[in-house]
Amino acid sequence: MIKFALLASAACLACATVPSRAAGAPPTPIRIGLPVPLTGPYGAEAQDQVRNATLAIQEFNDAGGLAGRKAELLVRDDRLNPAEAATRALELIDKDHADFIVGSLSAATQLAVNNVIRQRRVPYISISQSDAINEAADFSRYTFHESLNPHMTTQAVGRYAFRKGMRIAFLTADYAYGQEMTRGFTRVAKEVGAQVVGEIRHPLGATDYSPFLPRLMAMHPDVLVFNNFGRDNQISIKQAAEFGMKSNMRFVTPVLTYTSRVAAGARVYDGVIGGSSYYWGIEATTPAARALNDRYRKAYGGAVPSDYGTMAYSAVKSLLLAVKAAGSSDAEKVIDALVALRYDTYKGIQSYRACDHQSVQSVLVLQSKAAPSGSPDLFSVLHVAPASTSALRSCAELGHKPAP
């Protein structure tokens, strides 16, 4: 009897040390981690990703969540550094108990986060351009890619801007994003019969491009492609224009972002052509775009969402749609729901391809235009490449084996 009493007392003590939800307490929230580079050259894009992700969370919660369970967004600054991104992802999962991860605004940081989530088996939706993340070497069941990738971006932009016999030169940021864009454009140039006459690479975060520009001019290109992003893109295009290069060649960039155009102004980006996942102006023909824009305007003082911002909205919203479809936040159930999902969050129907979890979606080709001061109408939509798996590298080329 004494032995039984001691065991019972020990059992009760153990129970007291296990945290439990008190009767009537709110259910545990569905936690979504969002590591993005709030500081650094991509800060403007990252800030709008936070705003858009917050909007998706609010919509889910306002609609009642998952049987009363609300969602919570946990924002962390990865400082555009792969090691920092991996550390923040580990903390979000192990310390903050994030159920899912969305984020990263660099090809390098998203691969670092992806390595973490593969080990921890936590679903991750990336929102930055990368080809590698879909390849078999980096892919996992837990990896999803909401963003465009460099192959599909360069297919759309290159096929619009390049013609047979044209001379193409590249100014490339020397890291994965720039290198993958160069690879994609080189492939398109070969397919259409254009000639690549050279490439100059520059370090990430460069501020003086004068050593590179004479070498590019000496190549006599018809098209100069700026394979860089954020402030690198703004500064290099501005300096190339000041060098007089616009008079002799067309300026093209793979991703023409709303935030860069706002920051640098109409004069810098005048006539520049580039690709995008989204432009708010498609609201005239796209109901989902109109709905998102109206919600964003209401929440943020009449402003309109940016392209990279809306990717965060779509990633979080598609994830929460899958949570509802699964009726659970269980990782395996949500993954199955994501793979089966067809969603129209902001620009038309999208879906995640089964072999690599790449979002199949449309690509816009835009051209920067002059606009009255304060007007958000910054781009002309030149072409829309429709959502199609034909715009992607094949599953076999990515190294994925056919399903048995």
Protein backbone atom coordinates (compact mmCIF):
# COMPACT_ATOMS: atom_id res chain seq x y z
CA MET A 1 0.00 0.00 0.00
CA ILE A 2 2.82 2.39 0.88
CA LYS A 3 4.59 1.60 -2.42
CA PHE A 4 1.37 2.21 -4.35
CA ALA A 5 0.85 5.57 -2.60
CA LEU A 6 4.39 6.70 -3.44
CA LEU A 7 3.94 5.77 -7.09
CA ALA A 8 0.63 7.59 -7.23
CA SER A 9 2.18 10.69 -5.67
CA ALA A 10 5.04 10.62 -8.18
CA ALA A 11 2.57 10.26 -11.03
CA CYS A 12 0.58 13.26 -9.80
CA LEU A 13 3.78 15.33 -9.52
CA ALA A 14 4.71 14.43 -13.10
CA CYS A 15 1.26 15.47 -14.27
CA ALA A 16 1.67 18.83 -12.59
CA THR A 17 4.84 19.56 -14.58
CA VAL A 18 3.22 18.93 -17.97
CA PRO A 19 1.68 22.13 -19.38
CA SER A 20 -1.95 21.75 -20.35
CA ARG A 21 -4.65 24.03 -21.68
CA ALA A 22 -7.00 25.13 -18.92
CA ALA A 23 -10.71 24.65 -19.43
CA GLY A 24 -12.11 27.53 -21.45
CA ALA A 25 -8.64 28.70 -22.64
CA PRO A 26 -8.35 29.54 -26.36
CA PRO A 27 -7.03 26.73 -28.57
CA THR A 28 -3.36 26.71 -29.54
CA PRO A 29 -2.84 29.01 -32.55
CA ILE A 30 -1.62 27.79 -35.91
CA ARG A 31 1.84 29.35 -36.00
CA ILE A 32 3.42 30.41 -39.31
CA GLY A 33 7.04 31.57 -39.26
CA LEU A 34 8.10 34.26 -41.74
CA PRO A 35 11.88 34.77 -42.01
CA VAL A 36 12.59 37.65 -44.44
CA PRO A 37 15.43 40.21 -44.86
CA LEU A 38 13.93 43.23 -43.09
CA THR A 39 17.40 44.79 -43.03
CA GLY A 40 19.65 44.96 -46.09
CA PRO A 41 19.21 45.76 -49.79
CA TYR A 42 15.91 43.85 -50.10
CA GLY A 43 14.28 45.51 -47.09
CA ALA A 44 11.53 47.32 -49.02
CA GLU A 45 10.35 44.09 -50.64
CA ALA A 46 10.53 42.23 -47.33
CA GLN A 47 8.45 44.85 -45.50
CA ASP A 48 5.67 44.46 -48.05
CA GLN A 49 5.83 40.70 -47.73
CA VAL A 50 5.11 41.15 -44.01
CA ARG A 51 2.15 43.44 -44.77
CA ASN A 52 0.67 40.99 -47.27
CA ALA A 53 1.22 37.94 -45.08
CA THR A 54 -0.46 39.78 -42.21
CA LEU A 55 -3.45 40.46 -44.44
CA ALA A 56 -3.80 36.72 -45.26
CA ILE A 57 -3.62 35.85 -41.56
CA GLN A 58 -6.30 38.42 -40.71
CA GLU A 59 -8.64 37.09 -43.40
CA PHE A 60 -8.30 33.55 -42.07
CA ASN A 61 -8.94 34.65 -38.49
CA ASP A 62 -11.86 36.92 -39.40
CA ALA A 63 -13.49 33.94 -41.14
CA GLY A 64 -13.32 31.92 -37.91
CA GLY A 65 -9.98 30.18 -38.44
CA LEU A 66 -9.99 26.38 -38.23
CA ALA A 67 -12.93 25.52 -35.98
CA GLY A 68 -12.01 28.45 -33.78
CA ARG A 69 -8.23 27.99 -33.99
CA LYS A 70 -6.68 31.25 -35.14
CA ALA A 71 -3.45 31.71 -37.08
CA GLU A 72 -0.44 33.65 -35.81
CA LEU A 73 2.40 35.17 -37.87
CA LEU A 74 5.92 35.05 -36.39
CA VAL A 75 8.16 37.49 -38.32
CA ARG A 76 11.95 37.20 -38.09
CA ASP A 77 14.77 39.14 -39.79
CA ASP A 78 17.15 36.82 -41.68
CA ARG A 79 19.39 39.79 -42.66
CA LEU A 80 19.80 38.33 -46.17
CA ASN A 81 22.35 35.90 -44.70
CA PRO A 82 22.06 32.11 -45.17
CA ALA A 83 23.49 31.28 -41.74
CA GLU A 84 21.18 33.78 -40.07
CA ALA A 85 18.22 32.41 -42.05
CA ALA A 86 18.98 28.87 -40.91
CA THR A 87 19.30 30.01 -37.28
CA ARG A 88 16.00 31.91 -37.40
CA ALA A 89 14.24 28.91 -38.97
CA LEU A 90 15.56 26.59 -36.26
CA GLU A 91 14.39 28.99 -33.55
CA LEU A 92 10.97 29.32 -35.12
CA ILE A 93 10.54 25.55 -35.18
CA ASP A 94 12.27 24.44 -31.96
CA LYS A 95 11.63 27.42 -29.67
CA ASP A 96 8.50 29.09 -31.06
CA HIS A 97 6.84 25.84 -32.19
CA ALA A 98 5.97 27.09 -35.68
CA ASP A 99 3.76 24.64 -37.54
CA PHE A 100 4.79 25.99 -40.95
CA ILE A 101 7.42 28.26 -42.47
CA VAL A 102 6.88 30.76 -45.31
CA GLY A 103 9.52 33.19 -46.50
CA SER A 104 13.04 34.07 -47.67
CA LEU A 105 13.83 36.66 -50.31
CA SER A 106 17.06 35.24 -51.67
CA ALA A 107 17.97 32.08 -53.52
CA ALA A 108 20.71 31.44 -50.96
CA THR A 109 18.67 32.02 -47.79
CA GLN A 110 15.76 29.93 -48.99
CA LEU A 111 18.06 26.96 -49.59
CA ALA A 112 19.43 27.38 -46.05
CA VAL A 113 15.89 27.42 -44.64
CA ASN A 114 14.97 24.47 -46.83
CA ASN A 115 17.81 22.41 -45.33
CA VAL A 116 16.39 23.07 -41.87
CA ILE A 117 12.80 22.22 -42.67
CA ARG A 118 13.79 19.00 -44.42
CA GLN A 119 15.48 17.83 -41.22
CA ARG A 120 12.62 18.98 -38.99
CA ARG A 121 9.88 17.83 -41.42
CA VAL A 122 8.02 21.12 -41.29
CA PRO A 123 6.20 22.31 -44.46
CA TYR A 124 7.88 25.32 -46.08
CA ILE A 125 6.60 27.61 -48.86
CA SER A 126 9.38 29.71 -50.37
CA ILE A 127 8.65 33.16 -51.83
CA SER A 128 11.82 34.00 -53.74
CA GLN A 129 13.06 33.01 -57.16
CA SER A 130 15.18 29.87 -57.29
CA ASP A 131 15.69 27.04 -59.75
CA ALA A 132 17.70 24.87 -57.37
CA ILE A 133 14.96 24.52 -54.77
CA ASN A 134 12.87 22.48 -57.24
CA GLU A 135 15.73 20.21 -58.26
CA ALA A 136 15.87 16.71 -56.80
CA ALA A 137 19.06 17.46 -54.82
CA ASP A 138 17.34 20.17 -52.73
CA PHE A 139 13.68 19.17 -52.97
CA SER A 140 11.75 17.31 -50.27
CA ARG A 141 8.16 16.40 -49.57
CA TYR A 142 8.07 19.40 -47.23
CA THR A 143 9.31 21.94 -49.83
CA PHE A 144 6.92 24.16 -51.82
CA HIS A 145 7.77 27.10 -54.09
CA GLU A 146 5.10 29.80 -54.53
CA SER A 147 7.40 32.21 -56.36
CA LEU A 148 8.18 32.22 -60.04
CA ASN A 149 11.48 30.52 -60.76
CA PRO A 150 14.27 31.86 -62.99
CA HIS A 151 13.55 29.35 -65.77
CA MET A 152 9.89 30.33 -66.16
CA THR A 153 10.70 34.04 -65.74
CA THR A 154 13.40 34.05 -68.39
CA GLN A 155 11.26 32.00 -70.75
CA ALA A 156 8.54 34.65 -70.66
CA VAL A 157 10.77 37.74 -70.73
CA GLY A 158 13.39 36.35 -73.12
CA ARG A 159 10.86 35.16 -75.67
CA TYR A 160 9.28 38.61 -75.65
CA ALA A 161 12.50 40.67 -75.76
CA PHE A 162 14.94 38.56 -77.83
CA ARG A 163 14.87 38.11 -81.61
CA LYS A 164 16.94 36.11 -84.05
CA GLY A 165 20.31 37.74 -84.70
CA MET A 166 20.21 40.04 -81.65
CA ARG A 167 23.34 40.49 -79.54
CA ILE A 168 22.72 39.89 -75.82
CA ALA A 169 25.00 40.91 -72.92
CA PHE A 170 24.53 40.30 -69.18
CA LEU A 171 25.41 42.28 -66.06
CA THR A 172 24.99 39.64 -63.37
CA ALA A 173 24.97 39.67 -59.57
CA ASP A 174 27.44 36.95 -58.66
CA TYR A 175 25.25 34.63 -56.59
CA ALA A 176 22.56 32.05 -57.26
CA TYR A 177 19.79 34.45 -58.35
CA GLY A 178 21.92 36.18 -60.98
CA GLN A 179 23.61 33.02 -62.16
CA GLU A 180 20.31 31.17 -62.63
CA MET A 181 18.84 34.11 -64.56
CA THR A 182 21.86 34.16 -66.89
CA ARG A 183 21.50 30.44 -67.45
CA GLY A 184 17.81 30.80 -68.30
CA PHE A 185 18.29 33.75 -70.67
CA THR A 186 21.20 31.99 -72.38
CA ARG A 187 18.95 29.02 -73.04
CA VAL A 188 16.22 31.24 -74.51
CA ALA A 189 18.73 33.12 -76.67
CA LYS A 190 19.91 29.86 -78.17
CA GLU A 191 16.32 28.72 -78.78
CA VAL A 192 15.34 31.92 -80.63
CA GLY A 193 18.64 32.36 -82.50
CA ALA A 194 20.04 35.34 -80.56
CA GLN A 195 23.76 35.60 -79.78
CA VAL A 196 25.12 35.95 -76.24
CA VAL A 197 28.19 38.20 -76.59
CA GLY A 198 29.33 38.23 -72.98
CA GLU A 199 28.68 38.50 -69.26
CA ILE A 200 30.15 40.70 -66.53
CA ARG A 201 29.60 39.64 -62.92
CA HIS A 202 29.47 42.00 -59.93
CA PRO A 203 29.35 41.39 -56.17
CA LEU A 204 26.07 41.58 -54.28
CA GLY A 205 25.59 45.07 -52.84
CA ALA A 206 27.86 46.90 -55.31
CA THR A 207 27.50 50.70 -55.44
CA ASP A 208 29.87 51.64 -58.26
CA TYR A 209 29.36 49.98 -61.64
CA SER A 210 31.71 52.24 -63.62
CA PRO A 211 34.43 49.55 -63.88
CA PHE A 212 31.95 47.20 -65.61
CA LEU A 213 30.10 49.51 -67.99
CA PRO A 214 32.87 50.23 -70.57
CA ARG A 215 33.47 46.49 -70.90
CA LEU A 216 29.76 45.94 -71.56
CA MET A 217 29.67 48.76 -74.12
CA ALA A 218 32.62 47.19 -75.93
CA MET A 219 30.47 44.08 -76.54
CA HIS A 220 28.05 46.22 -78.65
CA PRO A 221 24.90 44.45 -77.45
CA ASP A 222 21.41 45.13 -78.77
CA VAL A 223 20.01 44.09 -75.38
CA LEU A 224 21.68 44.56 -72.00
CA VAL A 225 20.15 42.32 -69.32
CA PHE A 226 20.55 43.32 -65.66
CA ASN A 227 20.48 40.01 -63.78
CA ASN A 228 20.32 41.59 -60.32
CA PHE A 229 17.72 42.69 -57.79
CA GLY A 230 16.69 45.39 -55.31
CA ARG A 231 19.15 48.25 -54.83
CA ASP A 232 21.69 46.50 -57.06
CA ASN A 233 19.16 46.70 -59.87
CA GLN A 234 18.27 50.34 -59.21
CA ILE A 235 21.86 51.56 -58.99
CA SER A 236 23.23 49.61 -61.96
CA ILE A 237 20.40 50.66 -64.30
CA LYS A 238 20.75 54.30 -63.20
CA GLN A 239 24.50 54.36 -63.76
CA ALA A 240 24.23 52.58 -67.12
CA ALA A 241 21.69 55.17 -68.29
CA GLU A 242 23.94 58.01 -67.09
CA PHE A 243 26.72 56.39 -69.10
CA GLY A 244 24.59 56.91 -72.22
CA MET A 245 24.01 53.24 -72.86
CA LYS A 246 20.22 53.47 -73.26
CA SER A 247 20.63 55.23 -76.60
CA ASN A 248 22.35 52.19 -78.10
CA MET A 249 20.64 49.21 -76.49
CA ARG A 250 17.43 48.01 -74.85
CA PHE A 251 17.51 47.53 -71.08
CA VAL A 252 15.92 44.30 -69.82
CA THR A 253 15.77 42.86 -66.32
CA PRO A 254 14.29 39.49 -65.37
CA VAL A 255 12.21 40.86 -62.48
CA LEU A 256 10.85 44.40 -62.72
CA THR A 257 9.68 45.12 -59.18
CA TYR A 258 7.16 47.72 -58.07
CA THR A 259 9.25 48.67 -55.04
CA SER A 260 12.39 49.35 -57.12
CA ARG A 261 10.42 51.45 -59.61
CA VAL A 262 8.94 53.52 -56.76
CA ALA A 263 12.33 53.95 -55.08
CA ALA A 264 14.34 54.89 -58.19
CA GLY A 265 11.68 56.77 -60.15
CA ALA A 266 10.39 56.97 -63.70
CA ARG A 267 13.55 58.47 -65.19
CA VAL A 268 15.80 55.61 -64.09
CA TYR A 269 13.44 52.87 -65.25
CA ASP A 270 12.09 54.63 -68.35
CA GLY A 271 11.43 51.99 -71.02
CA VAL A 272 12.95 49.09 -69.04
CA ILE A 273 11.29 45.72 -69.73
CA GLY A 274 11.04 42.91 -67.19
CA GLY A 275 8.98 40.11 -65.75
CA SER A 276 6.71 39.94 -62.74
CA SER A 277 4.42 37.61 -60.88
CA TYR A 278 1.90 40.42 -60.32
CA TYR A 279 0.93 44.00 -61.08
CA TRP A 280 -1.98 45.63 -59.29
CA GLY A 281 -3.25 47.06 -62.59
CA ILE A 282 -4.55 43.68 -63.75
CA GLU A 283 -7.50 44.26 -61.41
CA ALA A 284 -9.49 45.57 -64.38
CA THR A 285 -9.66 42.04 -65.83
CA THR A 286 -8.90 39.80 -62.84
CA PRO A 287 -11.48 39.58 -60.01
CA ALA A 288 -9.05 38.07 -57.48
CA ALA A 289 -6.62 40.94 -58.06
CA ARG A 290 -9.39 43.48 -57.52
CA ALA A 291 -10.43 41.76 -54.27
CA LEU A 292 -6.87 41.70 -52.90
CA ASN A 293 -6.14 45.27 -53.95
CA ASP A 294 -9.31 46.53 -52.25
CA ARG A 295 -8.45 44.73 -49.00
CA TYR A 296 -4.89 46.06 -49.12
CA ARG A 297 -6.04 49.63 -49.82
CA LYS A 298 -8.40 49.46 -46.85
CA ALA A 299 -5.73 48.10 -44.53
CA TYR A 300 -2.83 50.31 -45.64
CA GLY A 301 -4.16 53.77 -46.34
CA GLY A 302 -5.04 53.44 -50.01
CA ALA A 303 -1.71 51.95 -51.14
CA VAL A 304 -1.48 49.02 -53.56
CA PRO A 305 0.42 45.75 -52.98
CA SER A 306 3.73 44.97 -54.66
CA ASP A 307 4.67 41.91 -56.68
CA TYR A 308 6.96 40.31 -54.10
CA GLY A 309 4.52 41.27 -51.36
CA THR A 310 1.63 39.47 -53.01
CA MET A 311 3.67 36.28 -53.23
CA ALA A 312 3.71 36.24 -49.43
CA TYR A 313 -0.05 36.80 -49.38
CA SER A 314 -0.61 33.93 -51.81
CA ALA A 315 1.78 31.58 -50.00
CA VAL A 316 0.16 32.14 -46.60
CA LYS A 317 -3.36 32.05 -48.00
CA SER A 318 -2.81 28.87 -50.02
CA LEU A 319 -1.28 27.26 -46.92
CA LEU A 320 -4.30 28.19 -44.82
CA LEU A 321 -6.66 27.00 -47.56
CA ALA A 322 -4.88 23.64 -47.34
CA VAL A 323 -5.20 23.67 -43.54
CA LYS A 324 -8.94 24.11 -43.91
CA ALA A 325 -9.16 21.45 -46.62
CA ALA A 326 -7.23 19.03 -44.39
CA GLY A 327 -9.28 19.99 -41.33
CA SER A 328 -6.02 19.94 -39.41
CA SER A 329 -2.60 21.56 -38.96
CA ASP A 330 -0.94 18.14 -39.13
CA ALA A 331 2.03 18.49 -41.48
CA GLU A 332 1.43 15.35 -43.54
CA LYS A 333 -2.28 16.06 -44.03
CA VAL A 334 -1.62 19.67 -45.02
CA ILE A 335 1.05 18.62 -47.53
CA ASP A 336 -1.40 16.25 -49.21
CA ALA A 337 -3.98 19.05 -49.31
CA LEU A 338 -1.47 21.51 -50.83
CA VAL A 339 -0.55 19.08 -53.61
CA ALA A 340 -4.24 18.63 -54.46
CA LEU A 341 -5.06 22.34 -54.18
CA ARG A 342 -6.17 24.52 -57.07
CA TYR A 343 -6.25 28.07 -55.81
CA ASP A 344 -7.03 31.57 -57.06
CA THR A 345 -5.62 33.85 -54.41
CA TYR A 346 -4.73 36.95 -56.41
CA LYS A 347 -4.24 36.54 -60.15
CA GLY A 348 -5.95 33.44 -61.53
CA ILE A 349 -5.79 29.69 -61.03
CA GLN A 350 -2.55 28.24 -59.67
CA SER A 351 -1.53 24.76 -58.54
CA TYR A 352 1.55 23.04 -57.12
CA ARG A 353 3.08 20.57 -59.57
CA ALA A 354 3.26 17.14 -57.96
CA CYS A 355 6.87 16.23 -58.78
CA ASP A 356 8.56 19.39 -57.46
CA HIS A 357 5.84 21.45 -55.73
CA GLN A 358 6.48 24.43 -58.02
CA SER A 359 3.49 26.76 -58.32
CA VAL A 360 2.27 26.71 -61.92
CA GLN A 361 1.18 30.27 -62.68
CA SER A 362 1.10 33.12 -65.17
CA VAL A 363 4.09 35.42 -65.82
CA LEU A 364 3.61 39.10 -66.69
CA VAL A 365 5.97 40.96 -69.02
CA LEU A 366 5.96 44.65 -68.06
CA GLN A 367 7.48 47.91 -69.27
CA SER A 368 8.09 50.87 -66.99
CA LYS A 369 6.35 54.07 -68.05
CA ALA A 370 6.14 57.68 -66.98
CA ALA A 371 3.42 58.37 -64.42
CA PRO A 372 2.08 61.49 -62.72
CA SER A 373 3.59 62.17 -59.32
CA GLY A 374 1.99 59.96 -56.70
CA SER A 375 0.26 57.71 -59.22
CA PRO A 376 0.66 53.96 -58.68
CA ASP A 377 0.16 53.27 -62.42
CA LEU A 378 3.82 52.59 -63.16
CA PHE A 379 3.85 49.78 -65.74
CA SER A 380 2.32 48.75 -69.04
CA VAL A 381 1.47 45.05 -69.31
CA LEU A 382 3.03 43.99 -72.60
CA HIS A 383 2.25 40.28 -72.46
CA VAL A 384 0.89 37.63 -70.09
CA ALA A 385 2.39 34.14 -70.45
CA PRO A 386 -0.39 31.81 -69.22
CA ALA A 387 0.02 29.28 -66.42
CA SER A 388 1.41 26.12 -68.01
CA THR A 389 3.76 23.30 -67.09
CA SER A 390 5.33 23.78 -70.54
CA ALA A 391 7.03 26.91 -69.11
CA LEU A 392 8.85 24.74 -66.54
CA ARG A 393 11.80 22.42 -66.86
CA SER A 394 10.54 18.85 -66.99
CA CYS A 395 10.47 16.70 -63.87
CA ALA A 396 13.06 14.42 -65.47
CA GLU A 397 15.41 17.35 -66.16
CA LEU A 398 15.15 18.33 -62.51
CA GLY A 399 16.20 14.82 -61.51
CA HIS A 400 12.84 13.56 -60.25
CA LYS A 401 12.07 9.91 -60.89
CA PRO A 402 8.67 8.94 -62.29
CA ALA A 403 6.14 7.81 -59.70
CA PRO A 404 5.95 4.01 -59.50
